[in-house]
Amino acid sequence: MIANAVKPQSTDKVTYMDIIQSLVSDSNSVFFYPKLLQKVKDHPNELTNLDVEYLYYGQVFRIGYTPRPFFDKDRDNLEILMSNDRKKKVIELGTKLLQKYPIDLSTLLYTSKCLKEKKRPDTTYFFNKQ
């Protein structure tokens, strides 16, 4: 009988996040999260859009990840410093925050803007690109 020969298709789905998780967790992958973070620090001009995508979405899978709290004293201070045009302090605090949350878009924006205005090209390329 034909009915017995036909098997139903598997309902297992591989999601985009499953793929990201496997690649950022595999130490042999070019998208291994610690390798990407090192690339940010050592060779920011070599980052591709795909690298940044894996950094952004892959951060939730890194060891020790904790989401940035909605209310964060340092993050709130960064907003205040930015609104008061304290560029040097924004750069200092922004750099500190990016060690903990390397892909926080607002922090990247503020830090980039201040680096550019202070004419500090050493890391501006990475921040502006992001």
N, C-alpha and C. Protein backbone atom coordinates (compact mmCIF):
# COMPACT_ATOMS: atom_id res chain seq x y z
N MET A 1 0.82 -1.18 0.00
CA MET A 1 0.00 0.00 0.00
C MET A 1 0.87 1.26 0.00
N ILE A 2 0.39 2.20 -0.73
CA ILE A 2 1.14 3.45 -0.86
C ILE A 2 1.12 4.22 0.46
N ALA A 3 0.05 4.19 1.19
CA ALA A 3 -0.06 4.95 2.43
C ALA A 3 1.01 4.55 3.43
N ASN A 4 1.39 3.29 3.47
CA ASN A 4 2.43 2.85 4.40
C ASN A 4 3.82 3.23 3.93
N ALA A 5 4.01 3.43 2.65
CA ALA A 5 5.32 3.74 2.10
C ALA A 5 5.67 5.22 2.24
N VAL A 6 4.69 6.06 2.37
CA VAL A 6 4.92 7.50 2.48
C VAL A 6 5.09 7.86 3.95
N LYS A 7 6.20 8.51 4.26
CA LYS A 7 6.45 8.93 5.63
C LYS A 7 6.27 10.43 5.74
N PRO A 8 5.73 10.87 6.83
CA PRO A 8 5.56 12.32 6.97
C PRO A 8 6.91 13.03 7.07
N GLN A 9 6.93 14.27 6.62
CA GLN A 9 8.15 15.05 6.72
C GLN A 9 8.41 15.41 8.17
N SER A 10 9.66 15.54 8.49
CA SER A 10 10.04 15.92 9.85
C SER A 10 9.57 17.36 10.10
N THR A 11 9.12 17.61 11.31
CA THR A 11 8.69 18.96 11.66
C THR A 11 9.82 19.74 12.35
N ASP A 12 10.99 19.12 12.46
CA ASP A 12 12.12 19.82 13.06
C ASP A 12 12.55 20.95 12.13
N LYS A 13 12.67 22.12 12.70
CA LYS A 13 13.09 23.28 11.91
C LYS A 13 14.40 23.80 12.47
N VAL A 14 15.25 24.20 11.59
CA VAL A 14 16.48 24.87 12.00
C VAL A 14 16.23 26.35 11.79
N THR A 15 16.29 27.10 12.86
CA THR A 15 16.03 28.53 12.76
C THR A 15 17.34 29.30 12.54
N TYR A 16 17.18 30.53 12.15
CA TYR A 16 18.32 31.42 11.95
C TYR A 16 19.14 31.52 13.24
N MET A 17 18.46 31.63 14.36
CA MET A 17 19.17 31.74 15.64
C MET A 17 19.89 30.44 16.00
N ASP A 18 19.36 29.30 15.58
CA ASP A 18 20.06 28.03 15.80
C ASP A 18 21.39 28.03 15.05
N ILE A 19 21.36 28.53 13.84
CA ILE A 19 22.59 28.59 13.04
C ILE A 19 23.59 29.54 13.69
N ILE A 20 23.12 30.69 14.10
CA ILE A 20 24.00 31.66 14.76
C ILE A 20 24.59 31.05 16.03
N GLN A 21 23.75 30.42 16.83
CA GLN A 21 24.24 29.83 18.08
C GLN A 21 25.32 28.79 17.81
N SER A 22 25.10 27.95 16.81
CA SER A 22 26.10 26.91 16.53
C SER A 22 27.42 27.52 16.06
N LEU A 23 27.36 28.56 15.26
CA LEU A 23 28.59 29.16 14.74
C LEU A 23 29.34 30.00 15.76
N VAL A 24 28.63 30.75 16.61
CA VAL A 24 29.32 31.57 17.60
C VAL A 24 29.82 30.74 18.78
N SER A 25 29.33 29.50 18.89
CA SER A 25 29.75 28.61 19.98
C SER A 25 30.83 27.62 19.56
N ASP A 26 31.10 27.51 18.26
CA ASP A 26 32.06 26.55 17.73
C ASP A 26 33.44 27.20 17.63
N SER A 27 34.38 26.70 18.42
CA SER A 27 35.71 27.32 18.45
C SER A 27 36.45 27.22 17.12
N ASN A 28 36.00 26.37 16.22
CA ASN A 28 36.63 26.26 14.90
C ASN A 28 36.00 27.19 13.87
N SER A 29 34.92 27.86 14.23
CA SER A 29 34.20 28.74 13.32
C SER A 29 34.87 30.11 13.26
N VAL A 30 34.81 30.74 12.09
CA VAL A 30 35.32 32.12 11.98
C VAL A 30 34.41 33.08 12.75
N PHE A 31 33.20 32.63 13.08
CA PHE A 31 32.26 33.47 13.82
C PHE A 31 32.22 33.13 15.31
N PHE A 32 33.20 32.36 15.79
CA PHE A 32 33.29 32.05 17.22
C PHE A 32 33.33 33.37 17.97
N TYR A 33 32.44 33.53 18.94
CA TYR A 33 32.25 34.85 19.55
C TYR A 33 33.54 35.46 20.11
N PRO A 34 34.34 34.71 20.86
CA PRO A 34 35.59 35.32 21.35
C PRO A 34 36.51 35.79 20.21
N LYS A 35 36.52 35.07 19.09
CA LYS A 35 37.33 35.50 17.93
C LYS A 35 36.78 36.81 17.36
N LEU A 36 35.46 36.93 17.30
CA LEU A 36 34.87 38.16 16.78
C LEU A 36 35.18 39.35 17.68
N LEU A 37 35.09 39.13 18.99
CA LEU A 37 35.41 40.22 19.93
C LEU A 37 36.87 40.63 19.80
N GLN A 38 37.75 39.66 19.61
CA GLN A 38 39.17 39.97 19.44
C GLN A 38 39.38 40.75 18.15
N LYS A 39 38.65 40.39 17.12
CA LYS A 39 38.75 41.10 15.84
C LYS A 39 38.29 42.55 15.99
N VAL A 40 37.26 42.77 16.80
CA VAL A 40 36.79 44.13 17.07
C VAL A 40 37.92 44.95 17.69
N LYS A 41 38.64 44.34 18.64
CA LYS A 41 39.69 45.06 19.35
C LYS A 41 40.96 45.23 18.51
N ASP A 42 41.33 44.18 17.78
CA ASP A 42 42.62 44.19 17.08
C ASP A 42 42.56 44.68 15.63
N HIS A 43 41.49 44.36 14.93
CA HIS A 43 41.40 44.68 13.50
C HIS A 43 39.99 45.15 13.14
N PRO A 44 39.54 46.24 13.73
CA PRO A 44 38.17 46.68 13.47
C PRO A 44 37.88 47.00 12.02
N ASN A 45 38.90 47.41 11.28
CA ASN A 45 38.68 47.76 9.87
C ASN A 45 38.47 46.51 9.01
N GLU A 46 38.72 45.33 9.55
CA GLU A 46 38.52 44.09 8.80
C GLU A 46 37.14 43.48 9.04
N LEU A 47 36.35 44.08 9.91
CA LEU A 47 35.01 43.54 10.19
C LEU A 47 34.12 43.66 8.96
N THR A 48 33.41 42.58 8.70
CA THR A 48 32.45 42.59 7.60
C THR A 48 31.05 42.79 8.18
N ASN A 49 30.10 43.04 7.31
CA ASN A 49 28.71 43.15 7.78
C ASN A 49 28.26 41.85 8.42
N LEU A 50 28.71 40.73 7.90
CA LEU A 50 28.35 39.43 8.46
C LEU A 50 28.96 39.25 9.85
N ASP A 51 30.20 39.70 10.04
CA ASP A 51 30.82 39.65 11.37
C ASP A 51 29.98 40.41 12.38
N VAL A 52 29.57 41.61 11.98
CA VAL A 52 28.78 42.46 12.88
C VAL A 52 27.42 41.81 13.17
N GLU A 53 26.85 41.19 12.18
CA GLU A 53 25.57 40.50 12.36
C GLU A 53 25.72 39.38 13.40
N TYR A 54 26.78 38.60 13.29
CA TYR A 54 27.01 37.51 14.24
C TYR A 54 27.36 38.05 15.62
N LEU A 55 28.05 39.17 15.68
CA LEU A 55 28.33 39.81 16.97
C LEU A 55 27.03 40.24 17.64
N TYR A 56 26.18 40.89 16.87
CA TYR A 56 24.94 41.43 17.43
C TYR A 56 24.00 40.31 17.89
N TYR A 57 23.70 39.38 17.01
CA TYR A 57 22.76 38.33 17.36
C TYR A 57 23.39 37.24 18.22
N GLY A 58 24.69 37.07 18.09
CA GLY A 58 25.37 36.01 18.83
C GLY A 58 25.69 36.37 20.27
N GLN A 59 25.56 37.64 20.62
CA GLN A 59 25.93 38.03 21.99
C GLN A 59 25.09 37.31 23.04
N VAL A 60 23.88 36.93 22.72
CA VAL A 60 23.03 36.26 23.71
C VAL A 60 23.52 34.85 24.02
N PHE A 61 24.39 34.32 23.18
CA PHE A 61 24.90 32.96 23.38
C PHE A 61 26.29 32.93 24.00
N ARG A 62 26.88 34.10 24.27
CA ARG A 62 28.23 34.09 24.82
C ARG A 62 28.20 33.71 26.30
N ILE A 63 29.27 33.12 26.73
CA ILE A 63 29.39 32.69 28.13
C ILE A 63 29.34 33.91 29.03
N GLY A 64 28.53 33.85 30.05
CA GLY A 64 28.42 34.94 31.00
C GLY A 64 27.54 36.08 30.53
N TYR A 65 26.81 35.89 29.44
CA TYR A 65 25.95 36.96 28.92
C TYR A 65 24.84 37.29 29.91
N THR A 66 24.66 38.56 30.13
CA THR A 66 23.49 39.06 30.85
C THR A 66 22.98 40.24 30.04
N PRO A 67 21.69 40.28 29.83
CA PRO A 67 21.16 41.41 29.05
C PRO A 67 21.40 42.72 29.79
N ARG A 68 21.58 43.77 29.02
CA ARG A 68 21.75 45.08 29.63
C ARG A 68 20.45 45.43 30.32
N PRO A 69 20.53 45.76 31.61
CA PRO A 69 19.29 46.11 32.31
C PRO A 69 18.65 47.37 31.73
N PHE A 70 17.34 47.42 31.83
CA PHE A 70 16.62 48.57 31.31
C PHE A 70 17.09 49.85 31.98
N PHE A 71 17.27 49.78 33.28
CA PHE A 71 17.82 50.92 34.03
C PHE A 71 19.24 50.56 34.42
N ASP A 72 20.18 51.30 33.90
CA ASP A 72 21.59 51.05 34.14
C ASP A 72 22.22 52.39 34.49
N LYS A 73 22.81 52.47 35.66
CA LYS A 73 23.37 53.74 36.15
C LYS A 73 24.41 54.30 35.18
N ASP A 74 25.34 53.45 34.73
CA ASP A 74 26.37 53.92 33.81
C ASP A 74 25.77 54.38 32.49
N ARG A 75 24.81 53.64 32.00
CA ARG A 75 24.16 53.98 30.72
C ARG A 75 23.40 55.30 30.86
N ASP A 76 22.73 55.48 32.01
CA ASP A 76 22.03 56.74 32.26
C ASP A 76 23.03 57.90 32.34
N ASN A 77 24.18 57.67 32.99
CA ASN A 77 25.22 58.70 33.07
C ASN A 77 25.76 59.05 31.69
N LEU A 78 25.86 58.05 30.83
CA LEU A 78 26.33 58.30 29.47
C LEU A 78 25.37 59.25 28.75
N GLU A 79 24.08 59.03 28.92
CA GLU A 79 23.07 59.92 28.31
C GLU A 79 23.24 61.35 28.83
N ILE A 80 23.43 61.49 30.13
CA ILE A 80 23.60 62.82 30.74
C ILE A 80 24.86 63.49 30.23
N LEU A 81 25.96 62.74 30.21
CA LEU A 81 27.23 63.29 29.72
C LEU A 81 27.09 63.73 28.26
N MET A 82 26.40 62.94 27.48
CA MET A 82 26.21 63.27 26.06
C MET A 82 25.39 64.54 25.92
N SER A 83 24.33 64.65 26.70
CA SER A 83 23.48 65.84 26.59
C SER A 83 24.19 67.10 27.10
N ASN A 84 25.19 66.91 27.97
CA ASN A 84 25.97 68.05 28.48
C ASN A 84 27.25 68.28 27.69
N ASP A 85 27.39 67.56 26.56
CA ASP A 85 28.52 67.74 25.65
C ASP A 85 29.87 67.50 26.33
N ARG A 86 29.94 66.48 27.17
CA ARG A 86 31.18 66.11 27.87
C ARG A 86 31.86 64.98 27.10
N LYS A 87 32.42 65.31 25.96
CA LYS A 87 32.94 64.31 25.01
C LYS A 87 33.99 63.38 25.61
N LYS A 88 34.94 63.93 26.33
CA LYS A 88 36.01 63.10 26.89
C LYS A 88 35.43 62.06 27.85
N LYS A 89 34.49 62.47 28.67
CA LYS A 89 33.86 61.55 29.63
C LYS A 89 32.99 60.52 28.90
N VAL A 90 32.33 60.94 27.83
CA VAL A 90 31.51 60.01 27.04
C VAL A 90 32.42 58.92 26.46
N ILE A 91 33.57 59.32 25.94
CA ILE A 91 34.51 58.36 25.36
C ILE A 91 34.97 57.37 26.43
N GLU A 92 35.33 57.88 27.61
CA GLU A 92 35.80 57.00 28.70
C GLU A 92 34.71 56.03 29.13
N LEU A 93 33.53 56.55 29.42
CA LEU A 93 32.44 55.70 29.90
C LEU A 93 31.92 54.80 28.79
N GLY A 94 31.83 55.32 27.57
CA GLY A 94 31.37 54.52 26.45
C GLY A 94 32.28 53.33 26.20
N THR A 95 33.59 53.56 26.27
CA THR A 95 34.55 52.47 26.08
C THR A 95 34.39 51.42 27.18
N LYS A 96 34.18 51.86 28.40
CA LYS A 96 33.96 50.93 29.52
C LYS A 96 32.68 50.11 29.30
N LEU A 97 31.61 50.78 28.92
CA LEU A 97 30.34 50.08 28.69
C LEU A 97 30.44 49.08 27.54
N LEU A 98 31.21 49.43 26.52
CA LEU A 98 31.34 48.54 25.37
C LEU A 98 32.15 47.29 25.68
N GLN A 99 32.91 47.32 26.76
CA GLN A 99 33.60 46.09 27.20
C GLN A 99 32.57 45.08 27.70
N LYS A 100 31.54 45.58 28.32
CA LYS A 100 30.50 44.71 28.88
C LYS A 100 29.41 44.39 27.85
N TYR A 101 29.02 45.40 27.07
CA TYR A 101 27.97 45.24 26.06
C TYR A 101 28.52 45.74 24.72
N PRO A 102 29.31 44.92 24.04
CA PRO A 102 30.06 45.40 22.88
C PRO A 102 29.23 45.84 21.68
N ILE A 103 27.97 45.50 21.66
CA ILE A 103 27.15 45.85 20.49
C ILE A 103 25.97 46.72 20.90
N ASP A 104 26.11 47.50 21.96
CA ASP A 104 25.05 48.41 22.35
C ASP A 104 25.05 49.59 21.38
N LEU A 105 24.01 49.66 20.57
CA LEU A 105 23.99 50.61 19.46
C LEU A 105 24.05 52.07 19.90
N SER A 106 23.35 52.43 20.96
CA SER A 106 23.38 53.82 21.42
C SER A 106 24.78 54.19 21.93
N THR A 107 25.39 53.30 22.66
CA THR A 107 26.74 53.56 23.17
C THR A 107 27.72 53.68 22.01
N LEU A 108 27.58 52.82 21.01
CA LEU A 108 28.43 52.93 19.83
C LEU A 108 28.25 54.28 19.14
N LEU A 109 27.00 54.70 19.02
CA LEU A 109 26.72 55.98 18.36
C LEU A 109 27.33 57.15 19.13
N TYR A 110 27.09 57.20 20.43
CA TYR A 110 27.61 58.31 21.25
C TYR A 110 29.13 58.33 21.24
N THR A 111 29.73 57.17 21.42
CA THR A 111 31.18 57.09 21.47
C THR A 111 31.78 57.49 20.12
N SER A 112 31.17 57.00 19.05
CA SER A 112 31.63 57.34 17.71
C SER A 112 31.58 58.84 17.46
N LYS A 113 30.47 59.43 17.82
CA LYS A 113 30.29 60.87 17.60
C LYS A 113 31.35 61.68 18.35
N CYS A 114 31.59 61.30 19.59
CA CYS A 114 32.57 62.04 20.40
C CYS A 114 34.00 61.80 19.91
N LEU A 115 34.31 60.57 19.51
CA LEU A 115 35.64 60.29 18.97
C LEU A 115 35.88 61.12 17.71
N LYS A 116 34.88 61.18 16.87
CA LYS A 116 35.01 61.93 15.62
C LYS A 116 35.19 63.42 15.90
N GLU A 117 34.41 63.94 16.83
CA GLU A 117 34.51 65.37 17.15
C GLU A 117 35.82 65.71 17.84
N LYS A 118 36.38 64.74 18.58
CA LYS A 118 37.67 64.96 19.25
C LYS A 118 38.83 64.61 18.31
N LYS A 119 38.49 64.22 17.08
CA LYS A 119 39.48 63.86 16.06
C LYS A 119 40.41 62.76 16.56
N ARG A 120 39.81 61.71 17.09
CA ARG A 120 40.57 60.54 17.54
C ARG A 120 40.28 59.39 16.58
N PRO A 121 41.05 59.30 15.49
CA PRO A 121 40.74 58.32 14.44
C PRO A 121 41.10 56.88 14.78
N ASP A 122 41.77 56.63 15.90
CA ASP A 122 42.24 55.28 16.17
C ASP A 122 41.12 54.24 16.20
N THR A 123 39.98 54.56 16.77
CA THR A 123 38.89 53.60 16.83
C THR A 123 37.64 54.11 16.13
N THR A 124 37.67 55.30 15.63
CA THR A 124 36.47 55.87 15.03
C THR A 124 35.95 55.01 13.89
N TYR A 125 36.85 54.42 13.12
CA TYR A 125 36.41 53.63 11.97
C TYR A 125 35.46 52.52 12.41
N PHE A 126 35.84 51.80 13.47
CA PHE A 126 34.97 50.72 13.93
C PHE A 126 33.62 51.27 14.40
N PHE A 127 33.65 52.29 15.23
CA PHE A 127 32.40 52.81 15.77
C PHE A 127 31.51 53.37 14.67
N ASN A 128 32.09 54.12 13.75
CA ASN A 128 31.29 54.69 12.66
C ASN A 128 30.72 53.61 11.77
N LYS A 129 31.50 52.57 11.51
CA LYS A 129 31.03 51.50 10.63
C LYS A 129 29.82 50.80 11.25
N GLN A 130 29.83 50.65 12.54
CA GLN A 130 28.73 49.97 13.20
C GLN A 130 27.49 50.84 13.20
